[in-house]
Amino acid sequence: MLVQSTTKDLYLLPALPADKWPNGIVKGLRARGGVTVSIKWMEGNLVEFGLWSEQIISTRIVYRGISAAAELLPGKVFTFDKDLRCIRTEKL
């Protein structure tokens, strides 16, 4: 599983089969609340991910026990690093 979502939380790579897919990129996964997710990983570890939504969304991002709050705004792509820090924002 690459993404698991609840109404409040977004879990990244919770059950990545790293022995089968050690490196990869996925784009356009849909999570609850209308959030779209893209993820890049290498050697089984998160490299970066992008989130966007058509509405204002507040969510908690979780990866390997680390969590961070994020507020998504419509019309923008938010790109985060492996430490769940937003590293850039771009218009759709």
PDB file of N, CA and C in Angstrom:
ATOM      1  N   MET A   1       0.833  -1.168   0.000  1.00  0.00           N
ATOM      2  CA  MET A   1       0.000   0.000   0.000  1.00  0.00           C
ATOM      3  C   MET A   1       0.888   1.245   0.000  1.00  0.00           C
ATOM      4  N   LEU A   2       0.559   2.178  -0.839  1.00  0.00           N
ATOM      5  CA  LEU A   2       1.371   3.379  -0.977  1.00  0.00           C
ATOM      6  C   LEU A   2       0.839   4.554  -0.169  1.00  0.00           C
ATOM      7  N   VAL A   3      -0.494   4.622  -0.014  1.00  0.00           N
ATOM      8  CA  VAL A   3      -1.127   5.698   0.758  1.00  0.00           C
ATOM      9  C   VAL A   3      -2.308   5.108   1.518  1.00  0.00           C
ATOM     10  N   GLN A   4      -2.433   5.525   2.757  1.00  0.00           N
ATOM     11  CA  GLN A   4      -3.621   5.195   3.541  1.00  0.00           C
ATOM     12  C   GLN A   4      -4.151   6.513   4.070  1.00  0.00           C
ATOM     13  N   SER A   5      -5.460   6.718   3.972  1.00  0.00           N
ATOM     14  CA  SER A   5      -6.005   7.981   4.452  1.00  0.00           C
ATOM     15  C   SER A   5      -7.238   7.753   5.302  1.00  0.00           C
ATOM     16  N   THR A   6      -7.396   8.650   6.246  1.00  0.00           N
ATOM     17  CA  THR A   6      -8.616   8.725   7.042  1.00  0.00           C
ATOM     18  C   THR A   6      -9.162  10.125   6.807  1.00  0.00           C
ATOM     19  N   THR A   7     -10.203  10.485   7.503  1.00  0.00           N
ATOM     20  CA  THR A   7     -10.743  11.833   7.310  1.00  0.00           C
ATOM     21  C   THR A   7      -9.802  12.909   7.826  1.00  0.00           C
ATOM     22  N   LYS A   8      -8.845  12.535   8.694  1.00  0.00           N
ATOM     23  CA  LYS A   8      -7.927  13.529   9.273  1.00  0.00           C
ATOM     24  C   LYS A   8      -6.458  13.269   8.960  1.00  0.00           C
ATOM     25  N   ASP A   9      -6.098  12.035   8.651  1.00  0.00           N
ATOM     26  CA  ASP A   9      -4.690  11.669   8.503  1.00  0.00           C
ATOM     27  C   ASP A   9      -4.381  11.097   7.126  1.00  0.00           C
ATOM     28  N   LEU A  10      -3.139  11.310   6.702  1.00  0.00           N
ATOM     29  CA  LEU A  10      -2.647  10.785   5.432  1.00  0.00           C
ATOM     30  C   LEU A  10      -1.325  10.066   5.715  1.00  0.00           C
ATOM     31  N   TYR A  11      -1.321   8.749   5.578  1.00  0.00           N
ATOM     32  CA  TYR A  11      -0.144   7.921   5.853  1.00  0.00           C
ATOM     33  C   TYR A  11       0.565   7.615   4.542  1.00  0.00           C
ATOM     34  N   LEU A  12       1.853   7.910   4.475  1.00  0.00           N
ATOM     35  CA  LEU A  12       2.630   7.701   3.258  1.00  0.00           C
ATOM     36  C   LEU A  12       3.449   6.420   3.362  1.00  0.00           C
ATOM     37  N   LEU A  13       3.401   5.617   2.322  1.00  0.00           N
ATOM     38  CA  LEU A  13       4.150   4.356   2.199  1.00  0.00           C
ATOM     39  C   LEU A  13       4.006   3.467   3.435  1.00  0.00           C
ATOM     40  N   PRO A  14       2.767   3.257   3.923  1.00  0.00           N
ATOM     41  CA  PRO A  14       2.615   2.472   5.147  1.00  0.00           C
ATOM     42  C   PRO A  14       2.947   0.988   4.982  1.00  0.00           C
ATOM     43  N   ALA A  15       2.842   0.469   3.780  1.00  0.00           N
ATOM     44  CA  ALA A  15       3.125  -0.961   3.559  1.00  0.00           C
ATOM     45  C   ALA A  15       3.809  -1.153   2.210  1.00  0.00           C
ATOM     46  N   LEU A  16       4.821  -0.339   1.955  1.00  0.00           N
ATOM     47  CA  LEU A  16       5.567  -0.430   0.699  1.00  0.00           C
ATOM     48  C   LEU A  16       6.306  -1.763   0.632  1.00  0.00           C
ATOM     49  N   PRO A  17       6.095  -2.552  -0.429  1.00  0.00           N
ATOM     50  CA  PRO A  17       6.871  -3.788  -0.582  1.00  0.00           C
ATOM     51  C   PRO A  17       8.264  -3.462  -1.120  1.00  0.00           C
ATOM     52  N   ALA A  18       9.146  -2.966  -0.241  1.00  0.00           N
ATOM     53  CA  ALA A  18      10.460  -2.454  -0.652  1.00  0.00           C
ATOM     54  C   ALA A  18      11.321  -3.506  -1.338  1.00  0.00           C
ATOM     55  N   ASP A  19      11.093  -4.777  -1.024  1.00  0.00           N
ATOM     56  CA  ASP A  19      11.870  -5.819  -1.692  1.00  0.00           C
ATOM     57  C   ASP A  19      11.443  -5.983  -3.152  1.00  0.00           C
ATOM     58  N   LYS A  20      10.208  -5.647  -3.464  1.00  0.00           N
ATOM     59  CA  LYS A  20       9.702  -5.744  -4.839  1.00  0.00           C
ATOM     60  C   LYS A  20       9.785  -4.408  -5.585  1.00  0.00           C
ATOM     61  N   TRP A  21       9.546  -3.307  -4.865  1.00  0.00           N
ATOM     62  CA  TRP A  21       9.552  -1.963  -5.448  1.00  0.00           C
ATOM     63  C   TRP A  21      10.510  -1.068  -4.649  1.00  0.00           C
ATOM     64  N   PRO A  22      11.811  -1.271  -4.728  1.00  0.00           N
ATOM     65  CA  PRO A  22      12.726  -0.456  -3.920  1.00  0.00           C
ATOM     66  C   PRO A  22      12.727   1.014  -4.338  1.00  0.00           C
ATOM     67  N   ASN A  23      12.501   1.279  -5.622  1.00  0.00           N
ATOM     68  CA  ASN A  23      12.475   2.653  -6.141  1.00  0.00           C
ATOM     69  C   ASN A  23      11.193   2.850  -6.926  1.00  0.00           C
ATOM     70  N   GLY A  24      10.650   4.055  -6.866  1.00  0.00           N
ATOM     71  CA  GLY A  24       9.449   4.287  -7.651  1.00  0.00           C
ATOM     72  C   GLY A  24       8.901   5.684  -7.528  1.00  0.00           C
ATOM     73  N   ILE A  25       7.956   5.941  -8.423  1.00  0.00           N
ATOM     74  CA  ILE A  25       7.216   7.207  -8.435  1.00  0.00           C
ATOM     75  C   ILE A  25       5.775   6.864  -8.766  1.00  0.00           C
ATOM     76  N   VAL A  26       4.844   7.440  -8.035  1.00  0.00           N
ATOM     77  CA  VAL A  26       3.430   7.339  -8.372  1.00  0.00           C
ATOM     78  C   VAL A  26       2.872   8.752  -8.426  1.00  0.00           C
ATOM     79  N   LYS A  27       1.937   8.943  -9.322  1.00  0.00           N
ATOM     80  CA  LYS A  27       1.319  10.261  -9.485  1.00  0.00           C
ATOM     81  C   LYS A  27      -0.193  10.098  -9.556  1.00  0.00           C
ATOM     82  N   GLY A  28      -0.892  11.019  -8.926  1.00  0.00           N
ATOM     83  CA  GLY A  28      -2.340  11.076  -9.064  1.00  0.00           C
ATOM     84  C   GLY A  28      -3.137  10.134  -8.191  1.00  0.00           C
ATOM     85  N   LEU A  29      -2.567   9.632  -7.098  1.00  0.00           N
ATOM     86  CA  LEU A  29      -3.341   8.805  -6.179  1.00  0.00           C
ATOM     87  C   LEU A  29      -4.354   9.686  -5.460  1.00  0.00           C
ATOM     88  N   ARG A  30      -5.565   9.172  -5.278  1.00  0.00           N
ATOM     89  CA  ARG A  30      -6.602   9.951  -4.596  1.00  0.00           C
ATOM     90  C   ARG A  30      -6.775   9.453  -3.169  1.00  0.00           C
ATOM     91  N   ALA A  31      -6.761  10.393  -2.247  1.00  0.00           N
ATOM     92  CA  ALA A  31      -6.967  10.090  -0.829  1.00  0.00           C
ATOM     93  C   ALA A  31      -8.304  10.697  -0.394  1.00  0.00           C
ATOM     94  N   ARG A  32      -8.731  10.331   0.788  1.00  0.00           N
ATOM     95  CA  ARG A  32      -9.999  10.871   1.306  1.00  0.00           C
ATOM     96  C   ARG A  32      -9.958  12.393   1.369  1.00  0.00           C
ATOM     97  N   GLY A  33     -11.117  12.980   1.215  1.00  0.00           N
ATOM     98  CA  GLY A  33     -11.234  14.424   1.269  1.00  0.00           C
ATOM     99  C   GLY A  33     -10.876  15.113  -0.032  1.00  0.00           C
ATOM    100  N   GLY A  34     -10.635  14.334  -1.087  1.00  0.00           N
ATOM    101  CA  GLY A  34     -10.313  14.925  -2.381  1.00  0.00           C
ATOM    102  C   GLY A  34      -8.870  15.364  -2.527  1.00  0.00           C
ATOM    103  N   VAL A  35      -7.981  14.797  -1.736  1.00  0.00           N
ATOM    104  CA  VAL A  35      -6.555  15.121  -1.829  1.00  0.00           C
ATOM    105  C   VAL A  35      -5.919  14.219  -2.884  1.00  0.00           C
ATOM    106  N   THR A  36      -5.107  14.812  -3.755  1.00  0.00           N
ATOM    107  CA  THR A  36      -4.361  14.055  -4.751  1.00  0.00           C
ATOM    108  C   THR A  36      -2.908  14.004  -4.295  1.00  0.00           C
ATOM    109  N   VAL A  37      -2.303  12.808  -4.426  1.00  0.00           N
ATOM    110  CA  VAL A  37      -0.977  12.558  -3.876  1.00  0.00           C
ATOM    111  C   VAL A  37      -0.044  12.019  -4.957  1.00  0.00           C
ATOM    112  N   SER A  38       1.173  12.535  -4.994  1.00  0.00           N
ATOM    113  CA  SER A  38       2.258  11.976  -5.800  1.00  0.00           C
ATOM    114  C   SER A  38       3.419  11.701  -4.854  1.00  0.00           C
ATOM    115  N   ILE A  39       4.089  10.564  -5.046  1.00  0.00           N
ATOM    116  CA  ILE A  39       5.161  10.167  -4.130  1.00  0.00           C
ATOM    117  C   ILE A  39       6.352   9.648  -4.924  1.00  0.00           C
ATOM    118  N   LYS A  40       7.560   9.990  -4.452  1.00  0.00           N
ATOM    119  CA  LYS A  40       8.790   9.437  -5.011  1.00  0.00           C
ATOM    120  C   LYS A  40       9.568   8.798  -3.869  1.00  0.00           C
ATOM    121  N   TRP A  41      10.074   7.562  -4.098  1.00  0.00           N
ATOM    122  CA  TRP A  41      10.883   6.890  -3.093  1.00  0.00           C
ATOM    123  C   TRP A  41      12.070   6.204  -3.745  1.00  0.00           C
ATOM    124  N   MET A  42      13.143   6.054  -2.975  1.00  0.00           N
ATOM    125  CA  MET A  42      14.361   5.369  -3.427  1.00  0.00           C
ATOM    126  C   MET A  42      14.859   4.488  -2.296  1.00  0.00           C
ATOM    127  N   GLU A  43      15.291   3.281  -2.654  1.00  0.00           N
ATOM    128  CA  GLU A  43      15.790   2.306  -1.686  1.00  0.00           C
ATOM    129  C   GLU A  43      14.804   2.111  -0.530  1.00  0.00           C
ATOM    130  N   GLY A  44      13.508   2.170  -0.845  1.00  0.00           N
ATOM    131  CA  GLY A  44      12.461   1.952   0.144  1.00  0.00           C
ATOM    132  C   GLY A  44      12.174   3.128   1.045  1.00  0.00           C
ATOM    133  N   ASN A  45      12.820   4.273   0.794  1.00  0.00           N
ATOM    134  CA  ASN A  45      12.653   5.455   1.643  1.00  0.00           C
ATOM    135  C   ASN A  45      12.026   6.612   0.871  1.00  0.00           C
ATOM    136  N   LEU A  46      11.159   7.334   1.545  1.00  0.00           N
ATOM    137  CA  LEU A  46      10.528   8.505   0.973  1.00  0.00           C
ATOM    138  C   LEU A  46      11.572   9.535   0.559  1.00  0.00           C
ATOM    139  N   VAL A  47      11.437  10.086  -0.648  1.00  0.00           N
ATOM    140  CA  VAL A  47      12.321  11.156  -1.124  1.00  0.00           C
ATOM    141  C   VAL A  47      11.560  12.479  -1.080  1.00  0.00           C
ATOM    142  N   GLU A  48      10.408  12.530  -1.758  1.00  0.00           N
ATOM    143  CA  GLU A  48       9.546  13.701  -1.711  1.00  0.00           C
ATOM    144  C   GLU A  48       8.151  13.319  -2.139  1.00  0.00           C
ATOM    145  N   PHE A  49       7.202  14.197  -1.839  1.00  0.00           N
ATOM    146  CA  PHE A  49       5.817  13.948  -2.232  1.00  0.00           C
ATOM    147  C   PHE A  49       5.114  15.274  -2.451  1.00  0.00           C
ATOM    148  N   GLY A  50       4.077  15.235  -3.256  1.00  0.00           N
ATOM    149  CA  GLY A  50       3.285  16.413  -3.545  1.00  0.00           C
ATOM    150  C   GLY A  50       1.830  16.169  -3.197  1.00  0.00           C
ATOM    151  N   LEU A  51       1.153  17.210  -2.724  1.00  0.00           N
ATOM    152  CA  LEU A  51      -0.260  17.145  -2.373  1.00  0.00           C
ATOM    153  C   LEU A  51      -0.984  18.321  -3.000  1.00  0.00           C
ATOM    154  N   TRP A  52      -2.198  18.084  -3.470  1.00  0.00           N
ATOM    155  CA  TRP A  52      -3.040  19.185  -3.911  1.00  0.00           C
ATOM    156  C   TRP A  52      -4.490  18.802  -3.759  1.00  0.00           C
ATOM    157  N   SER A  53      -5.340  19.817  -3.703  1.00  0.00           N
ATOM    158  CA  SER A  53      -6.760  19.614  -3.489  1.00  0.00           C
ATOM    159  C   SER A  53      -7.532  20.723  -4.182  1.00  0.00           C
ATOM    160  N   GLU A  54      -8.794  20.464  -4.465  1.00  0.00           N
ATOM    161  CA  GLU A  54      -9.657  21.477  -5.077  1.00  0.00           C
ATOM    162  C   GLU A  54     -10.378  22.312  -4.032  1.00  0.00           C
ATOM    163  N   GLN A  55     -10.110  22.036  -2.759  1.00  0.00           N
ATOM    164  CA  GLN A  55     -10.723  22.793  -1.671  1.00  0.00           C
ATOM    165  C   GLN A  55      -9.711  22.951  -0.536  1.00  0.00           C
ATOM    166  N   ILE A  56     -10.021  23.802   0.422  1.00  0.00           N
ATOM    167  CA  ILE A  56      -9.141  23.955   1.582  1.00  0.00           C
ATOM    168  C   ILE A  56      -9.248  22.688   2.428  1.00  0.00           C
ATOM    169  N   ILE A  57      -8.099  22.087   2.707  1.00  0.00           N
ATOM    170  CA  ILE A  57      -8.040  20.841   3.482  1.00  0.00           C
ATOM    171  C   ILE A  57      -6.971  20.979   4.562  1.00  0.00           C
ATOM    172  N   SER A  58      -7.302  20.606   5.776  1.00  0.00           N
ATOM    173  CA  SER A  58      -6.304  20.480   6.845  1.00  0.00           C
ATOM    174  C   SER A  58      -6.120  18.997   7.102  1.00  0.00           C
ATOM    175  N   THR A  59      -4.886  18.546   7.095  1.00  0.00           N
ATOM    176  CA  THR A  59      -4.598  17.133   7.290  1.00  0.00           C
ATOM    177  C   THR A  59      -3.329  16.962   8.098  1.00  0.00           C
ATOM    178  N   ARG A  60      -3.151  15.773   8.615  1.00  0.00           N
ATOM    179  CA  ARG A  60      -1.923  15.418   9.299  1.00  0.00           C
ATOM    180  C   ARG A  60      -1.236  14.368   8.433  1.00  0.00           C
ATOM    181  N   ILE A  61       0.005  14.629   8.075  1.00  0.00           N
ATOM    182  CA  ILE A  61       0.790  13.711   7.258  1.00  0.00           C
ATOM    183  C   ILE A  61       1.623  12.847   8.204  1.00  0.00           C
ATOM    184  N   VAL A  62       1.654  11.538   7.943  1.00  0.00           N
ATOM    185  CA  VAL A  62       2.383  10.615   8.808  1.00  0.00           C
ATOM    186  C   VAL A  62       3.281   9.735   7.943  1.00  0.00           C
ATOM    187  N   TYR A  63       4.561   9.648   8.342  1.00  0.00           N
ATOM    188  CA  TYR A  63       5.513   8.768   7.673  1.00  0.00           C
ATOM    189  C   TYR A  63       6.483   8.228   8.712  1.00  0.00           C
ATOM    190  N   ARG A  64       6.482   6.920   8.893  1.00  0.00           N
ATOM    191  CA  ARG A  64       7.397   6.239   9.824  1.00  0.00           C
ATOM    192  C   ARG A  64       7.455   6.888  11.209  1.00  0.00           C
ATOM    193  N   GLY A  65       6.295   7.170  11.766  1.00  0.00           N
ATOM    194  CA  GLY A  65       6.227   7.707  13.125  1.00  0.00           C
ATOM    195  C   GLY A  65       6.419   9.207  13.230  1.00  0.00           C
ATOM    196  N   ILE A  66       6.766   9.862  12.135  1.00  0.00           N
ATOM    197  CA  ILE A  66       6.901  11.326  12.119  1.00  0.00           C
ATOM    198  C   ILE A  66       5.591  11.885  11.581  1.00  0.00           C
ATOM    199  N   SER A  67       5.121  12.974  12.144  1.00  0.00           N
ATOM    200  CA  SER A  67       3.895  13.577  11.630  1.00  0.00           C
ATOM    201  C   SER A  67       4.051  15.087  11.524  1.00  0.00           C
ATOM    202  N   ALA A  68       3.267  15.665  10.635  1.00  0.00           N
ATOM    203  CA  ALA A  68       3.276  17.110  10.435  1.00  0.00           C
ATOM    204  C   ALA A  68       1.896  17.542   9.964  1.00  0.00           C
ATOM    205  N   ALA A  69       1.485  18.697  10.396  1.00  0.00           N
ATOM    206  CA  ALA A  69       0.209  19.259   9.963  1.00  0.00           C
ATOM    207  C   ALA A  69       0.409  20.008   8.651  1.00  0.00           C
ATOM    208  N   ALA A  70      -0.599  19.942   7.795  1.00  0.00           N
ATOM    209  CA  ALA A  70      -0.534  20.663   6.520  1.00  0.00           C
ATOM    210  C   ALA A  70      -1.907  21.220   6.192  1.00  0.00           C
ATOM    211  N   GLU A  71      -1.921  22.421   5.645  1.00  0.00           N
ATOM    212  CA  GLU A  71      -3.162  22.997   5.138  1.00  0.00           C
ATOM    213  C   GLU A  71      -2.990  23.193   3.649  1.00  0.00           C
ATOM    214  N   LEU A  72      -3.850  22.553   2.877  1.00  0.00           N
ATOM    215  CA  LEU A  72      -3.796  22.640   1.423  1.00  0.00           C
ATOM    216  C   LEU A  72      -4.800  23.677   0.943  1.00  0.00           C
ATOM    217  N   LEU A  73      -4.394  24.450  -0.031  1.00  0.00           N
ATOM    218  CA  LEU A  73      -5.248  25.471  -0.614  1.00  0.00           C
ATOM    219  C   LEU A  73      -5.541  25.110  -2.059  1.00  0.00           C
ATOM    220  N   PRO A  74      -6.739  25.416  -2.543  1.00  0.00           N
ATOM    221  CA  PRO A  74      -7.076  25.061  -3.921  1.00  0.00           C
ATOM    222  C   PRO A  74      -6.173  25.762  -4.934  1.00  0.00           C
ATOM    223  N   GLY A  75      -5.881  25.050  -6.014  1.00  0.00           N
ATOM    224  CA  GLY A  75      -5.097  25.631  -7.100  1.00  0.00           C
ATOM    225  C   GLY A  75      -3.594  25.631  -6.872  1.00  0.00           C
ATOM    226  N   LYS A  76      -3.121  24.968  -5.816  1.00  0.00           N
ATOM    227  CA  LYS A  76      -1.690  24.935  -5.530  1.00  0.00           C
ATOM    228  C   LYS A  76      -1.224  23.508  -5.263  1.00  0.00           C
ATOM    229  N   VAL A  77      -0.005  23.217  -5.714  1.00  0.00           N
ATOM    230  CA  VAL A  77       0.644  21.948  -5.409  1.00  0.00           C
ATOM    231  C   VAL A  77       1.680  22.223  -4.333  1.00  0.00           C
ATOM    232  N   PHE A  78       1.607  21.484  -3.242  1.00  0.00           N
ATOM    233  CA  PHE A  78       2.548  21.617  -2.140  1.00  0.00           C
ATOM    234  C   PHE A  78       3.496  20.427  -2.197  1.00  0.00           C
ATOM    235  N   THR A  79       4.792  20.692  -2.322  1.00  0.00           N
ATOM    236  CA  THR A  79       5.793  19.632  -2.383  1.00  0.00           C
ATOM    237  C   THR A  79       6.556  19.596  -1.071  1.00  0.00           C
ATOM    238  N   PHE A  80       6.693  18.388  -0.520  1.00  0.00           N
ATOM    239  CA  PHE A  80       7.322  18.167   0.774  1.00  0.00           C
ATOM    240  C   PHE A  80       8.540  17.266   0.615  1.00  0.00           C
ATOM    241  N   ASP A  81       9.502  17.401   1.532  1.00  0.00           N
ATOM    242  CA  ASP A  81      10.674  16.524   1.520  1.00  0.00           C
ATOM    243  C   ASP A  81      10.450  15.328   2.443  1.00  0.00           C
ATOM    244  N   LYS A  82      11.467  14.512   2.606  1.00  0.00           N
ATOM    245  CA  LYS A  82      11.372  13.289   3.410  1.00  0.00           C
ATOM    246  C   LYS A  82      11.122  13.569   4.886  1.00  0.00           C
ATOM    247  N   ASP A  83      11.414  14.785   5.330  1.00  0.00           N
ATOM    248  CA  ASP A  83      11.189  15.177   6.718  1.00  0.00           C
ATOM    249  C   ASP A  83       9.831  15.854   6.915  1.00  0.00           C
ATOM    250  N   LEU A  84       8.983  15.785   5.875  1.00  0.00           N
ATOM    251  CA  LEU A  84       7.621  16.326   5.873  1.00  0.00           C
ATOM    252  C   LEU A  84       7.579  17.852   5.938  1.00  0.00           C
ATOM    253  N   ARG A  85       8.659  18.489   5.477  1.00  0.00           N
ATOM    254  CA  ARG A  85       8.707  19.950   5.391  1.00  0.00           C
ATOM    255  C   ARG A  85       8.318  20.385   3.993  1.00  0.00           C
ATOM    256  N   CYS A  86       7.498  21.405   3.901  1.00  0.00           N
ATOM    257  CA  CYS A  86       7.118  21.939   2.595  1.00  0.00           C
ATOM    258  C   CYS A  86       8.329  22.657   1.995  1.00  0.00           C
ATOM    259  N   ILE A  87       8.755  22.198   0.801  1.00  0.00           N
ATOM    260  CA  ILE A  87       9.948  22.775   0.185  1.00  0.00           C
ATOM    261  C   ILE A  87       9.603  23.697  -0.989  1.00  0.00           C
ATOM    262  N   ARG A  88       8.395  23.570  -1.523  1.00  0.00           N
ATOM    263  CA  ARG A  88       7.964  24.508  -2.563  1.00  0.00           C
ATOM    264  C   ARG A  88       6.467  24.423  -2.777  1.00  0.00           C
ATOM    265  N   THR A  89       5.935  25.509  -3.304  1.00  0.00           N
ATOM    266  CA  THR A  89       4.519  25.606  -3.634  1.00  0.00           C
ATOM    267  C   THR A  89       4.426  26.150  -5.049  1.00  0.00           C
ATOM    268  N   GLU A  90       3.607  25.502  -5.866  1.00  0.00           N
ATOM    269  CA  GLU A  90       3.436  25.929  -7.250  1.00  0.00           C
ATOM    270  C   GLU A  90       1.958  26.006  -7.589  1.00  0.00           C
ATOM    271  N   LYS A  91       1.620  26.880  -8.528  1.00  0.00           N
ATOM    272  CA  LYS A  91       0.244  26.935  -9.022  1.00  0.00           C
ATOM    273  C   LYS A  91      -0.015  25.753  -9.937  1.00  0.00           C
ATOM    274  N   LEU A  92      -1.229  25.248  -9.889  1.00  0.00           N
ATOM    275  CA  LEU A  92      -1.616  24.164 -10.798  1.00  0.00           C
ATOM    276  C   LEU A  92      -1.704  24.651 -12.219  1.00  0.00           C
TER     277      LEU A  92
END
